[in-house]
Amino acid sequence: MSEDTIFHRILRREIPADIVYEDDHVFAFRDIAPQAPVHVLFVPKESVRTLDAMKPSQSDIVGKLAYAAAEYARKEGFAEDGYRVVINCNAHGGQTVFQLHLHLLAGAPLGRFGTSR
């Protein structure tokens, strides 16, 4: 990763984080402002600014993120109860760090989501 988002700095171990998962392609750490009892961010080691910016040759990244999240959920014992995975894309989609990442939320009933009307 040659970019310099906070996620890149965490991967380079320049900023401390509670890293809970890592393989050759993905690393994951607990969110510092959790929105559920379990809130873990899964980040590809390859730099990709947004989901929308992915190239066809990078399409496997989303699968690797999803697989890592599912593997973590099974290992931690909350897969059977259920969990949510979310990828925010660009400002209106709620993305605040411009490195592709997947949120895994679990540990309580999560209810519905979307815009309020």
PDB file of N, CA and C in Angstrom:
ATOM      1  N   MET A   1       0.835  -1.182   0.000  1.00  0.00           N
ATOM      2  CA  MET A   1       0.000   0.000   0.000  1.00  0.00           C
ATOM      3  C   MET A   1       0.877   1.241   0.000  1.00  0.00           C
ATOM      4  N   SER A   2       0.756   2.016  -1.036  1.00  0.00           N
ATOM      5  CA  SER A   2       1.543   3.248  -1.094  1.00  0.00           C
ATOM      6  C   SER A   2       0.701   4.466  -0.772  1.00  0.00           C
ATOM      7  N   GLU A   3      -0.589   4.292  -0.585  1.00  0.00           N
ATOM      8  CA  GLU A   3      -1.478   5.397  -0.229  1.00  0.00           C
ATOM      9  C   GLU A   3      -1.265   5.771   1.238  1.00  0.00           C
ATOM     10  N   ASP A   4      -1.957   6.841   1.672  1.00  0.00           N
ATOM     11  CA  ASP A   4      -1.738   7.265   3.043  1.00  0.00           C
ATOM     12  C   ASP A   4      -3.039   7.568   3.782  1.00  0.00           C
ATOM     13  N   THR A   5      -4.028   6.688   3.680  1.00  0.00           N
ATOM     14  CA  THR A   5      -5.194   6.826   4.539  1.00  0.00           C
ATOM     15  C   THR A   5      -4.832   6.264   5.915  1.00  0.00           C
ATOM     16  N   ILE A   6      -5.720   6.467   6.859  1.00  0.00           N
ATOM     17  CA  ILE A   6      -5.484   5.905   8.188  1.00  0.00           C
ATOM     18  C   ILE A   6      -5.382   4.378   8.119  1.00  0.00           C
ATOM     19  N   PHE A   7      -6.124   3.760   7.193  1.00  0.00           N
ATOM     20  CA  PHE A   7      -6.056   2.302   7.065  1.00  0.00           C
ATOM     21  C   PHE A   7      -4.696   1.844   6.563  1.00  0.00           C
ATOM     22  N   HIS A   8      -4.126   2.578   5.636  1.00  0.00           N
ATOM     23  CA  HIS A   8      -2.783   2.247   5.143  1.00  0.00           C
ATOM     24  C   HIS A   8      -1.766   2.365   6.279  1.00  0.00           C
ATOM     25  N   ARG A   9      -1.935   3.388   7.102  1.00  0.00           N
ATOM     26  CA  ARG A   9      -1.013   3.590   8.218  1.00  0.00           C
ATOM     27  C   ARG A   9      -1.161   2.487   9.271  1.00  0.00           C
ATOM     28  N   ILE A  10      -2.393   1.999   9.466  1.00  0.00           N
ATOM     29  CA  ILE A  10      -2.594   0.873  10.383  1.00  0.00           C
ATOM     30  C   ILE A  10      -1.909  -0.369   9.831  1.00  0.00           C
ATOM     31  N   LEU A  11      -2.094  -0.636   8.539  1.00  0.00           N
ATOM     32  CA  LEU A  11      -1.456  -1.812   7.938  1.00  0.00           C
ATOM     33  C   LEU A  11       0.065  -1.755   8.081  1.00  0.00           C
ATOM     34  N   ARG A  12       0.644  -0.556   7.916  1.00  0.00           N
ATOM     35  CA  ARG A  12       2.101  -0.403   8.060  1.00  0.00           C
ATOM     36  C   ARG A  12       2.531  -0.371   9.529  1.00  0.00           C
ATOM     37  N   ARG A  13       1.561  -0.526  10.435  1.00  0.00           N
ATOM     38  CA  ARG A  13       1.795  -0.533  11.888  1.00  0.00           C
ATOM     39  C   ARG A  13       2.334   0.806  12.389  1.00  0.00           C
ATOM     40  N   GLU A  14       1.980   1.886  11.713  1.00  0.00           N
ATOM     41  CA  GLU A  14       2.354   3.233  12.152  1.00  0.00           C
ATOM     42  C   GLU A  14       1.359   3.782  13.168  1.00  0.00           C
ATOM     43  N   ILE A  15       0.151   3.230  13.166  1.00  0.00           N
ATOM     44  CA  ILE A  15      -0.902   3.611  14.109  1.00  0.00           C
ATOM     45  C   ILE A  15      -1.370   2.322  14.777  1.00  0.00           C
ATOM     46  N   PRO A  16      -1.506   2.321  16.095  1.00  0.00           N
ATOM     47  CA  PRO A  16      -1.971   1.102  16.755  1.00  0.00           C
ATOM     48  C   PRO A  16      -3.439   0.833  16.458  1.00  0.00           C
ATOM     49  N   ALA A  17      -3.782  -0.433  16.391  1.00  0.00           N
ATOM     50  CA  ALA A  17      -5.164  -0.873  16.204  1.00  0.00           C
ATOM     51  C   ALA A  17      -5.281  -2.280  16.760  1.00  0.00           C
ATOM     52  N   ASP A  18      -6.495  -2.656  17.097  1.00  0.00           N
ATOM     53  CA  ASP A  18      -6.761  -4.000  17.587  1.00  0.00           C
ATOM     54  C   ASP A  18      -7.016  -4.888  16.373  1.00  0.00           C
ATOM     55  N   ILE A  19      -5.935  -5.384  15.782  1.00  0.00           N
ATOM     56  CA  ILE A  19      -6.026  -6.217  14.582  1.00  0.00           C
ATOM     57  C   ILE A  19      -6.476  -7.613  15.004  1.00  0.00           C
ATOM     58  N   VAL A  20      -7.598  -8.057  14.401  1.00  0.00           N
ATOM     59  CA  VAL A  20      -8.201  -9.333  14.806  1.00  0.00           C
ATOM     60  C   VAL A  20      -8.123 -10.392  13.721  1.00  0.00           C
ATOM     61  N   TYR A  21      -7.707 -10.001  12.514  1.00  0.00           N
ATOM     62  CA  TYR A  21      -7.632 -10.943  11.397  1.00  0.00           C
ATOM     63  C   TYR A  21      -6.609 -10.417  10.402  1.00  0.00           C
ATOM     64  N   GLU A  22      -5.844 -11.358   9.826  1.00  0.00           N
ATOM     65  CA  GLU A  22      -4.932 -10.973   8.757  1.00  0.00           C
ATOM     66  C   GLU A  22      -4.572 -12.207   7.947  1.00  0.00           C
ATOM     67  N   ASP A  23      -4.585 -12.051   6.631  1.00  0.00           N
ATOM     68  CA  ASP A  23      -4.073 -13.075   5.729  1.00  0.00           C
ATOM     69  C   ASP A  23      -3.260 -12.372   4.644  1.00  0.00           C
ATOM     70  N   ASP A  24      -2.971 -13.032   3.566  1.00  0.00           N
ATOM     71  CA  ASP A  24      -2.131 -12.437   2.520  1.00  0.00           C
ATOM     72  C   ASP A  24      -2.791 -11.261   1.797  1.00  0.00           C
ATOM     73  N   HIS A  25      -4.131 -11.182   1.848  1.00  0.00           N
ATOM     74  CA  HIS A  25      -4.844 -10.188   1.053  1.00  0.00           C
ATOM     75  C   HIS A  25      -5.663  -9.190   1.859  1.00  0.00           C
ATOM     76  N   VAL A  26      -6.001  -9.530   3.095  1.00  0.00           N
ATOM     77  CA  VAL A  26      -6.947  -8.753   3.900  1.00  0.00           C
ATOM     78  C   VAL A  26      -6.425  -8.622   5.320  1.00  0.00           C
ATOM     79  N   PHE A  27      -6.702  -7.472   5.935  1.00  0.00           N
ATOM     80  CA  PHE A  27      -6.498  -7.346   7.375  1.00  0.00           C
ATOM     81  C   PHE A  27      -7.756  -6.736   7.971  1.00  0.00           C
ATOM     82  N   ALA A  28      -7.978  -6.984   9.252  1.00  0.00           N
ATOM     83  CA  ALA A  28      -9.198  -6.505   9.904  1.00  0.00           C
ATOM     84  C   ALA A  28      -8.892  -6.052  11.319  1.00  0.00           C
ATOM     85  N   PHE A  29      -9.606  -5.027  11.735  1.00  0.00           N
ATOM     86  CA  PHE A  29      -9.413  -4.487  13.076  1.00  0.00           C
ATOM     87  C   PHE A  29     -10.731  -3.941  13.604  1.00  0.00           C
ATOM     88  N   ARG A  30     -10.822  -3.833  14.926  1.00  0.00           N
ATOM     89  CA  ARG A  30     -12.027  -3.321  15.565  1.00  0.00           C
ATOM     90  C   ARG A  30     -12.169  -1.824  15.287  1.00  0.00           C
ATOM     91  N   ASP A  31     -13.392  -1.415  14.963  1.00  0.00           N
ATOM     92  CA  ASP A  31     -13.687   0.001  14.735  1.00  0.00           C
ATOM     93  C   ASP A  31     -13.559   0.757  16.049  1.00  0.00           C
ATOM     94  N   ILE A  32     -12.979   1.945  16.022  1.00  0.00           N
ATOM     95  CA  ILE A  32     -12.801   2.727  17.249  1.00  0.00           C
ATOM     96  C   ILE A  32     -14.086   3.436  17.674  1.00  0.00           C
ATOM     97  N   ALA A  33     -15.088   3.469  16.791  1.00  0.00           N
ATOM     98  CA  ALA A  33     -16.400   4.053  17.119  1.00  0.00           C
ATOM     99  C   ALA A  33     -17.477   3.033  16.729  1.00  0.00           C
ATOM    100  N   PRO A  34     -17.552   1.919  17.457  1.00  0.00           N
ATOM    101  CA  PRO A  34     -18.424   0.826  17.037  1.00  0.00           C
ATOM    102  C   PRO A  34     -19.898   1.209  16.996  1.00  0.00           C
ATOM    103  N   GLN A  35     -20.587   0.685  15.984  1.00  0.00           N
ATOM    104  CA  GLN A  35     -22.017   0.890  15.808  1.00  0.00           C
ATOM    105  C   GLN A  35     -22.818  -0.343  16.231  1.00  0.00           C
ATOM    106  N   ALA A  36     -22.149  -1.344  16.752  1.00  0.00           N
ATOM    107  CA  ALA A  36     -22.759  -2.571  17.265  1.00  0.00           C
ATOM    108  C   ALA A  36     -21.761  -3.175  18.247  1.00  0.00           C
ATOM    109  N   PRO A  37     -22.195  -4.129  19.093  1.00  0.00           N
ATOM    110  CA  PRO A  37     -21.248  -4.745  20.036  1.00  0.00           C
ATOM    111  C   PRO A  37     -19.999  -5.300  19.351  1.00  0.00           C
ATOM    112  N   VAL A  38     -20.158  -5.856  18.149  1.00  0.00           N
ATOM    113  CA  VAL A  38     -19.018  -6.272  17.338  1.00  0.00           C
ATOM    114  C   VAL A  38     -19.036  -5.408  16.089  1.00  0.00           C
ATOM    115  N   HIS A  39     -17.968  -4.661  15.858  1.00  0.00           N
ATOM    116  CA  HIS A  39     -17.853  -3.831  14.660  1.00  0.00           C
ATOM    117  C   HIS A  39     -16.395  -3.903  14.211  1.00  0.00           C
ATOM    118  N   VAL A  40     -16.168  -4.687  13.166  1.00  0.00           N
ATOM    119  CA  VAL A  40     -14.820  -4.938  12.666  1.00  0.00           C
ATOM    120  C   VAL A  40     -14.745  -4.476  11.221  1.00  0.00           C
ATOM    121  N   LEU A  41     -13.658  -3.817  10.862  1.00  0.00           N
ATOM    122  CA  LEU A  41     -13.423  -3.350   9.499  1.00  0.00           C
ATOM    123  C   LEU A  41     -12.465  -4.299   8.800  1.00  0.00           C
ATOM    124  N   PHE A  42     -12.849  -4.774   7.623  1.00  0.00           N
ATOM    125  CA  PHE A  42     -12.022  -5.657   6.796  1.00  0.00           C
ATOM    126  C   PHE A  42     -11.530  -4.837   5.608  1.00  0.00           C
ATOM    127  N   VAL A  43     -10.221  -4.788   5.443  1.00  0.00           N
ATOM    128  CA  VAL A  43      -9.600  -3.895   4.463  1.00  0.00           C
ATOM    129  C   VAL A  43      -8.670  -4.701   3.557  1.00  0.00           C
ATOM    130  N   PRO A  44      -8.775  -4.514   2.239  1.00  0.00           N
ATOM    131  CA  PRO A  44      -7.827  -5.200   1.367  1.00  0.00           C
ATOM    132  C   PRO A  44      -6.442  -4.566   1.498  1.00  0.00           C
ATOM    133  N   LYS A  45      -5.428  -5.375   1.369  1.00  0.00           N
ATOM    134  CA  LYS A  45      -4.068  -4.838   1.400  1.00  0.00           C
ATOM    135  C   LYS A  45      -3.729  -4.104   0.108  1.00  0.00           C
ATOM    136  N   GLU A  46      -4.454  -4.410  -0.951  1.00  0.00           N
ATOM    137  CA  GLU A  46      -4.285  -3.698  -2.217  1.00  0.00           C
ATOM    138  C   GLU A  46      -5.046  -2.373  -2.150  1.00  0.00           C
ATOM    139  N   SER A  47      -4.452  -1.311  -2.623  1.00  0.00           N
ATOM    140  CA  SER A  47      -5.106  -0.005  -2.599  1.00  0.00           C
ATOM    141  C   SER A  47      -6.213   0.067  -3.641  1.00  0.00           C
ATOM    142  N   VAL A  48      -7.419   0.346  -3.160  1.00  0.00           N
ATOM    143  CA  VAL A  48      -8.594   0.585  -4.000  1.00  0.00           C
ATOM    144  C   VAL A  48      -9.384   1.667  -3.285  1.00  0.00           C
ATOM    145  N   ARG A  49      -9.545   2.799  -3.905  1.00  0.00           N
ATOM    146  CA  ARG A  49     -10.160   3.958  -3.250  1.00  0.00           C
ATOM    147  C   ARG A  49     -11.616   3.710  -2.849  1.00  0.00           C
ATOM    148  N   THR A  50     -12.427   3.191  -3.754  1.00  0.00           N
ATOM    149  CA  THR A  50     -13.848   2.946  -3.486  1.00  0.00           C
ATOM    150  C   THR A  50     -14.289   1.699  -4.238  1.00  0.00           C
ATOM    151  N   LEU A  51     -15.449   1.197  -3.888  1.00  0.00           N
ATOM    152  CA  LEU A  51     -16.026   0.082  -4.626  1.00  0.00           C
ATOM    153  C   LEU A  51     -16.220   0.472  -6.086  1.00  0.00           C
ATOM    154  N   ASP A  52     -16.643   1.699  -6.312  1.00  0.00           N
ATOM    155  CA  ASP A  52     -16.882   2.201  -7.662  1.00  0.00           C
ATOM    156  C   ASP A  52     -15.595   2.331  -8.475  1.00  0.00           C
ATOM    157  N   ALA A  53     -14.467   2.481  -7.812  1.00  0.00           N
ATOM    158  CA  ALA A  53     -13.183   2.657  -8.500  1.00  0.00           C
ATOM    159  C   ALA A  53     -12.502   1.332  -8.844  1.00  0.00           C
ATOM    160  N   MET A  54     -13.084   0.211  -8.401  1.00  0.00           N
ATOM    161  CA  MET A  54     -12.480  -1.089  -8.687  1.00  0.00           C
ATOM    162  C   MET A  54     -12.423  -1.343 -10.181  1.00  0.00           C
ATOM    163  N   LYS A  55     -11.327  -1.943 -10.597  1.00  0.00           N
ATOM    164  CA  LYS A  55     -11.165  -2.359 -11.991  1.00  0.00           C
ATOM    165  C   LYS A  55     -11.633  -3.807 -12.116  1.00  0.00           C
ATOM    166  N   PRO A  56     -11.996  -4.253 -13.327  1.00  0.00           N
ATOM    167  CA  PRO A  56     -12.405  -5.652 -13.496  1.00  0.00           C
ATOM    168  C   PRO A  56     -11.372  -6.638 -12.942  1.00  0.00           C
ATOM    169  N   SER A  57     -10.117  -6.315 -13.079  1.00  0.00           N
ATOM    170  CA  SER A  57      -9.066  -7.220 -12.586  1.00  0.00           C
ATOM    171  C   SER A  57      -9.011  -7.279 -11.058  1.00  0.00           C
ATOM    172  N   GLN A  58      -9.728  -6.387 -10.390  1.00  0.00           N
ATOM    173  CA  GLN A  58      -9.739  -6.352  -8.929  1.00  0.00           C
ATOM    174  C   GLN A  58     -11.035  -6.917  -8.332  1.00  0.00           C
ATOM    175  N   SER A  59     -11.896  -7.468  -9.172  1.00  0.00           N
ATOM    176  CA  SER A  59     -13.215  -7.888  -8.692  1.00  0.00           C
ATOM    177  C   SER A  59     -13.148  -8.979  -7.621  1.00  0.00           C
ATOM    178  N   ASP A  60     -12.076  -9.721  -7.562  1.00  0.00           N
ATOM    179  CA  ASP A  60     -11.952 -10.762  -6.531  1.00  0.00           C
ATOM    180  C   ASP A  60     -11.751 -10.181  -5.133  1.00  0.00           C
ATOM    181  N   ILE A  61     -11.406  -8.923  -5.042  1.00  0.00           N
ATOM    182  CA  ILE A  61     -11.162  -8.300  -3.732  1.00  0.00           C
ATOM    183  C   ILE A  61     -12.404  -8.362  -2.857  1.00  0.00           C
ATOM    184  N   VAL A  62     -13.568  -8.069  -3.424  1.00  0.00           N
ATOM    185  CA  VAL A  62     -14.797  -8.074  -2.631  1.00  0.00           C
ATOM    186  C   VAL A  62     -15.071  -9.477  -2.093  1.00  0.00           C
ATOM    187  N   GLY A  63     -14.832 -10.490  -2.903  1.00  0.00           N
ATOM    188  CA  GLY A  63     -14.998 -11.862  -2.434  1.00  0.00           C
ATOM    189  C   GLY A  63     -14.058 -12.197  -1.297  1.00  0.00           C
ATOM    190  N   LYS A  64     -12.835 -11.720  -1.387  1.00  0.00           N
ATOM    191  CA  LYS A  64     -11.860 -11.980  -0.317  1.00  0.00           C
ATOM    192  C   LYS A  64     -12.273 -11.275   0.975  1.00  0.00           C
ATOM    193  N   LEU A  65     -12.791 -10.052   0.853  1.00  0.00           N
ATOM    194  CA  LEU A  65     -13.274  -9.335   2.038  1.00  0.00           C
ATOM    195  C   LEU A  65     -14.439 -10.085   2.673  1.00  0.00           C
ATOM    196  N   ALA A  66     -15.406 -10.494   1.839  1.00  0.00           N
ATOM    197  CA  ALA A  66     -16.584 -11.197   2.347  1.00  0.00           C
ATOM    198  C   ALA A  66     -16.203 -12.536   2.979  1.00  0.00           C
ATOM    199  N   TYR A  67     -15.312 -13.268   2.326  1.00  0.00           N
ATOM    200  CA  TYR A  67     -14.883 -14.552   2.877  1.00  0.00           C
ATOM    201  C   TYR A  67     -14.181 -14.359   4.221  1.00  0.00           C
ATOM    202  N   ALA A  68     -13.305 -13.360   4.314  1.00  0.00           N
ATOM    203  CA  ALA A  68     -12.596 -13.103   5.572  1.00  0.00           C
ATOM    204  C   ALA A  68     -13.585 -12.751   6.678  1.00  0.00           C
ATOM    205  N   ALA A  69     -14.586 -11.938   6.367  1.00  0.00           N
ATOM    206  CA  ALA A  69     -15.592 -11.564   7.366  1.00  0.00           C
ATOM    207  C   ALA A  69     -16.373 -12.790   7.830  1.00  0.00           C
ATOM    208  N   ALA A  70     -16.785 -13.640   6.895  1.00  0.00           N
ATOM    209  CA  ALA A  70     -17.535 -14.845   7.247  1.00  0.00           C
ATOM    210  C   ALA A  70     -16.675 -15.802   8.083  1.00  0.00           C
ATOM    211  N   GLU A  71     -15.422 -15.943   7.700  1.00  0.00           N
ATOM    212  CA  GLU A  71     -14.511 -16.802   8.455  1.00  0.00           C
ATOM    213  C   GLU A  71     -14.347 -16.291   9.881  1.00  0.00           C
ATOM    214  N   TYR A  72     -14.192 -14.982  10.031  1.00  0.00           N
ATOM    215  CA  TYR A  72     -14.063 -14.376  11.352  1.00  0.00           C
ATOM    216  C   TYR A  72     -15.346 -14.598  12.169  1.00  0.00           C
ATOM    217  N   ALA A  73     -16.509 -14.417  11.544  1.00  0.00           N
ATOM    218  CA  ALA A  73     -17.783 -14.610  12.246  1.00  0.00           C
ATOM    219  C   ALA A  73     -17.926 -16.044  12.741  1.00  0.00           C
ATOM    220  N   ARG A  74     -17.555 -17.002  11.914  1.00  0.00           N
ATOM    221  CA  ARG A  74     -17.615 -18.407  12.339  1.00  0.00           C
ATOM    222  C   ARG A  74     -16.648 -18.664  13.489  1.00  0.00           C
ATOM    223  N   LYS A  75     -15.430 -18.162  13.357  1.00  0.00           N
ATOM    224  CA  LYS A  75     -14.402 -18.384  14.384  1.00  0.00           C
ATOM    225  C   LYS A  75     -14.808 -17.769  15.730  1.00  0.00           C
ATOM    226  N   GLU A  76     -15.443 -16.615  15.680  1.00  0.00           N
ATOM    227  CA  GLU A  76     -15.826 -15.920  16.910  1.00  0.00           C
ATOM    228  C   GLU A  76     -17.157 -16.410  17.487  1.00  0.00           C
ATOM    229  N   GLY A  77     -17.878 -17.249  16.730  1.00  0.00           N
ATOM    230  CA  GLY A  77     -19.073 -17.881  17.254  1.00  0.00           C
ATOM    231  C   GLY A  77     -20.373 -17.111  17.105  1.00  0.00           C
ATOM    232  N   PHE A  78     -20.425 -16.082  16.288  1.00  0.00           N
ATOM    233  CA  PHE A  78     -21.686 -15.367  16.117  1.00  0.00           C
ATOM    234  C   PHE A  78     -22.293 -15.530  14.722  1.00  0.00           C
ATOM    235  N   ALA A  79     -21.708 -16.366  13.892  1.00  0.00           N
ATOM    236  CA  ALA A  79     -22.223 -16.554  12.531  1.00  0.00           C
ATOM    237  C   ALA A  79     -23.644 -17.115  12.544  1.00  0.00           C
ATOM    238  N   GLU A  80     -23.907 -18.063  13.420  1.00  0.00           N
ATOM    239  CA  GLU A  80     -25.225 -18.694  13.429  1.00  0.00           C
ATOM    240  C   GLU A  80     -26.321 -17.717  13.848  1.00  0.00           C
ATOM    241  N   ASP A  81     -26.037 -16.839  14.792  1.00  0.00           N
ATOM    242  CA  ASP A  81     -27.028 -15.827  15.196  1.00  0.00           C
ATOM    243  C   ASP A  81     -27.238 -14.790  14.095  1.00  0.00           C
ATOM    244  N   GLY A  82     -26.203 -14.522  13.350  1.00  0.00           N
ATOM    245  CA  GLY A  82     -26.293 -13.579  12.242  1.00  0.00           C
ATOM    246  C   GLY A  82     -25.428 -12.351  12.421  1.00  0.00           C
ATOM    247  N   TYR A  83     -25.160 -11.721  11.310  1.00  0.00           N
ATOM    248  CA  TYR A  83     -24.338 -10.519  11.283  1.00  0.00           C
ATOM    249  C   TYR A  83     -24.661  -9.755  10.009  1.00  0.00           C
ATOM    250  N   ARG A  84     -24.169  -8.542   9.925  1.00  0.00           N
ATOM    251  CA  ARG A  84     -24.381  -7.701   8.748  1.00  0.00           C
ATOM    252  C   ARG A  84     -23.019  -7.300   8.205  1.00  0.00           C
ATOM    253  N   VAL A  85     -22.905  -7.270   6.873  1.00  0.00           N
ATOM    254  CA  VAL A  85     -21.719  -6.714   6.229  1.00  0.00           C
ATOM    255  C   VAL A  85     -22.182  -5.551   5.361  1.00  0.00           C
ATOM    256  N   VAL A  86     -21.396  -4.479   5.380  1.00  0.00           N
ATOM    257  CA  VAL A  86     -21.748  -3.258   4.661  1.00  0.00           C
ATOM    258  C   VAL A  86     -20.494  -2.708   3.994  1.00  0.00           C
ATOM    259  N   ILE A  87     -20.648  -2.265   2.743  1.00  0.00           N
ATOM    260  CA  ILE A  87     -19.596  -1.514   2.062  1.00  0.00           C
ATOM    261  C   ILE A  87     -20.198  -0.172   1.679  1.00  0.00           C
ATOM    262  N   ASN A  88     -19.677   0.898   2.243  1.00  0.00           N
ATOM    263  CA  ASN A  88     -20.110   2.244   1.891  1.00  0.00           C
ATOM    264  C   ASN A  88     -19.298   2.712   0.686  1.00  0.00           C
ATOM    265  N   CYS A  89     -19.931   3.458  -0.211  1.00  0.00           N
ATOM    266  CA  CYS A  89     -19.234   3.930  -1.406  1.00  0.00           C
ATOM    267  C   CYS A  89     -19.476   5.417  -1.617  1.00  0.00           C
ATOM    268  N   ASN A  90     -18.413   6.177  -1.534  1.00  0.00           N
ATOM    269  CA  ASN A  90     -18.417   7.625  -1.733  1.00  0.00           C
ATOM    270  C   ASN A  90     -19.214   8.347  -0.646  1.00  0.00           C
ATOM    271  N   ALA A  91     -19.210   9.669  -0.705  1.00  0.00           N
ATOM    272  CA  ALA A  91     -19.731  10.492   0.391  1.00  0.00           C
ATOM    273  C   ALA A  91     -21.205  10.231   0.700  1.00  0.00           C
ATOM    274  N   HIS A  92     -22.061  10.197  -0.296  1.00  0.00           N
ATOM    275  CA  HIS A  92     -23.488   9.989  -0.027  1.00  0.00           C
ATOM    276  C   HIS A  92     -23.764   8.571   0.449  1.00  0.00           C
ATOM    277  N   GLY A  93     -22.875   7.657   0.177  1.00  0.00           N
ATOM    278  CA  GLY A  93     -23.001   6.288   0.667  1.00  0.00           C
ATOM    279  C   GLY A  93     -22.451   6.106   2.068  1.00  0.00           C
ATOM    280  N   GLY A  94     -21.876   7.158   2.638  1.00  0.00           N
ATOM    281  CA  GLY A  94     -21.373   7.099   4.004  1.00  0.00           C
ATOM    282  C   GLY A  94     -19.904   6.757   4.138  1.00  0.00           C
ATOM    283  N   GLN A  95     -19.173   6.694   3.017  1.00  0.00           N
ATOM    284  CA  GLN A  95     -17.748   6.371   3.098  1.00  0.00           C
ATOM    285  C   GLN A  95     -16.988   7.578   3.628  1.00  0.00           C
ATOM    286  N   THR A  96     -16.185   7.359   4.664  1.00  0.00           N
ATOM    287  CA  THR A  96     -15.398   8.455   5.249  1.00  0.00           C
ATOM    288  C   THR A  96     -13.898   8.244   5.104  1.00  0.00           C
ATOM    289  N   VAL A  97     -13.471   6.995   4.929  1.00  0.00           N
ATOM    290  CA  VAL A  97     -12.063   6.698   4.658  1.00  0.00           C
ATOM    291  C   VAL A  97     -12.012   6.140   3.241  1.00  0.00           C
ATOM    292  N   PHE A  98     -11.238   6.773   2.387  1.00  0.00           N
ATOM    293  CA  PHE A  98     -11.246   6.416   0.973  1.00  0.00           C
ATOM    294  C   PHE A  98     -10.198   5.371   0.633  1.00  0.00           C
ATOM    295  N   GLN A  99     -10.425   4.207   1.243  1.00  0.00           N
ATOM    296  CA  GLN A  99      -9.808   2.923   0.930  1.00  0.00           C
ATOM    297  C   GLN A  99     -10.948   1.937   1.101  1.00  0.00           C
ATOM    298  N   LEU A 100     -11.209   1.142   0.065  1.00  0.00           N
ATOM    299  CA  LEU A 100     -12.279   0.163   0.132  1.00  0.00           C
ATOM    300  C   LEU A 100     -12.203  -0.615   1.438  1.00  0.00           C
ATOM    301  N   HIS A 101     -13.345  -0.826   2.086  1.00  0.00           N
ATOM    302  CA  HIS A 101     -13.390  -1.638   3.297  1.00  0.00           C
ATOM    303  C   HIS A 101     -14.809  -2.132   3.529  1.00  0.00           C
ATOM    304  N   LEU A 102     -14.904  -3.209   4.280  1.00  0.00           N
ATOM    305  CA  LEU A 102     -16.174  -3.848   4.601  1.00  0.00           C
ATOM    306  C   LEU A 102     -16.373  -3.774   6.111  1.00  0.00           C
ATOM    307  N   HIS A 103     -17.549  -3.353   6.525  1.00  0.00           N
ATOM    308  CA  HIS A 103     -17.905  -3.339   7.943  1.00  0.00           C
ATOM    309  C   HIS A 103     -18.619  -4.639   8.279  1.00  0.00           C
ATOM    310  N   LEU A 104     -18.209  -5.298   9.342  1.00  0.00           N
ATOM    311  CA  LEU A 104     -18.924  -6.445   9.888  1.00  0.00           C
ATOM    312  C   LEU A 104     -19.522  -5.994  11.211  1.00  0.00           C
ATOM    313  N   LEU A 105     -20.850  -6.103  11.335  1.00  0.00           N
ATOM    314  CA  LEU A 105     -21.554  -5.712  12.550  1.00  0.00           C
ATOM    315  C   LEU A 105     -22.297  -6.923  13.097  1.00  0.00           C
ATOM    316  N   ALA A 106     -22.209  -7.127  14.402  1.00  0.00           N
ATOM    317  CA  ALA A 106     -22.843  -8.299  15.016  1.00  0.00           C
ATOM    318  C   ALA A 106     -22.954  -8.090  16.516  1.00  0.00           C
ATOM    319  N   GLY A 107     -23.478  -9.114  17.175  1.00  0.00           N
ATOM    320  CA  GLY A 107     -23.511  -9.114  18.633  1.00  0.00           C
ATOM    321  C   GLY A 107     -24.835  -8.679  19.229  1.00  0.00           C
ATOM    322  N   ALA A 108     -25.795  -8.285  18.397  1.00  0.00           N
ATOM    323  CA  ALA A 108     -27.128  -7.884  18.851  1.00  0.00           C
ATOM    324  C   ALA A 108     -28.031  -7.851  17.626  1.00  0.00           C
ATOM    325  N   PRO A 109     -29.360  -7.922  17.827  1.00  0.00           N
ATOM    326  CA  PRO A 109     -30.254  -7.744  16.688  1.00  0.00           C
ATOM    327  C   PRO A 109     -30.024  -6.364  16.066  1.00  0.00           C
ATOM    328  N   LEU A 110     -29.841  -6.327  14.766  1.00  0.00           N
ATOM    329  CA  LEU A 110     -29.452  -5.081  14.099  1.00  0.00           C
ATOM    330  C   LEU A 110     -30.618  -4.317  13.491  1.00  0.00           C
ATOM    331  N   GLY A 111     -31.752  -4.937  13.332  1.00  0.00           N
ATOM    332  CA  GLY A 111     -32.910  -4.216  12.806  1.00  0.00           C
ATOM    333  C   GLY A 111     -32.755  -3.810  11.355  1.00  0.00           C
ATOM    334  N   ARG A 112     -33.572  -2.864  10.938  1.00  0.00           N
ATOM    335  CA  ARG A 112     -33.589  -2.395   9.558  1.00  0.00           C
ATOM    336  C   ARG A 112     -32.638  -1.217   9.402  1.00  0.00           C
ATOM    337  N   PHE A 113     -32.328  -0.896   8.153  1.00  0.00           N
ATOM    338  CA  PHE A 113     -31.508   0.292   7.898  1.00  0.00           C
ATOM    339  C   PHE A 113     -31.928   0.922   6.584  1.00  0.00           C
ATOM    340  N   GLY A 114     -31.535   2.161   6.410  1.00  0.00           N
ATOM    341  CA  GLY A 114     -31.872   2.909   5.200  1.00  0.00           C
ATOM    342  C   GLY A 114     -32.151   4.347   5.563  1.00  0.00           C
ATOM    343  N   THR A 115     -32.650   5.109   4.626  1.00  0.00           N
ATOM    344  CA  THR A 115     -32.956   6.498   4.912  1.00  0.00           C
ATOM    345  C   THR A 115     -34.271   6.571   5.658  1.00  0.00           C
ATOM    346  N   SER A 116     -34.399   7.553   6.536  1.00  0.00           N
ATOM    347  CA  SER A 116     -35.678   7.740   7.233  1.00  0.00           C
ATOM    348  C   SER A 116     -36.585   8.573   6.334  1.00  0.00           C
ATOM    349  N   ARG A 117     -37.861   8.251   6.336  1.00  0.00           N
ATOM    350  CA  ARG A 117     -38.822   8.960   5.468  1.00  0.00           C
ATOM    351  C   ARG A 117     -39.896   9.596   6.285  1.00  0.00           C
TER     352      ARG A 117
END
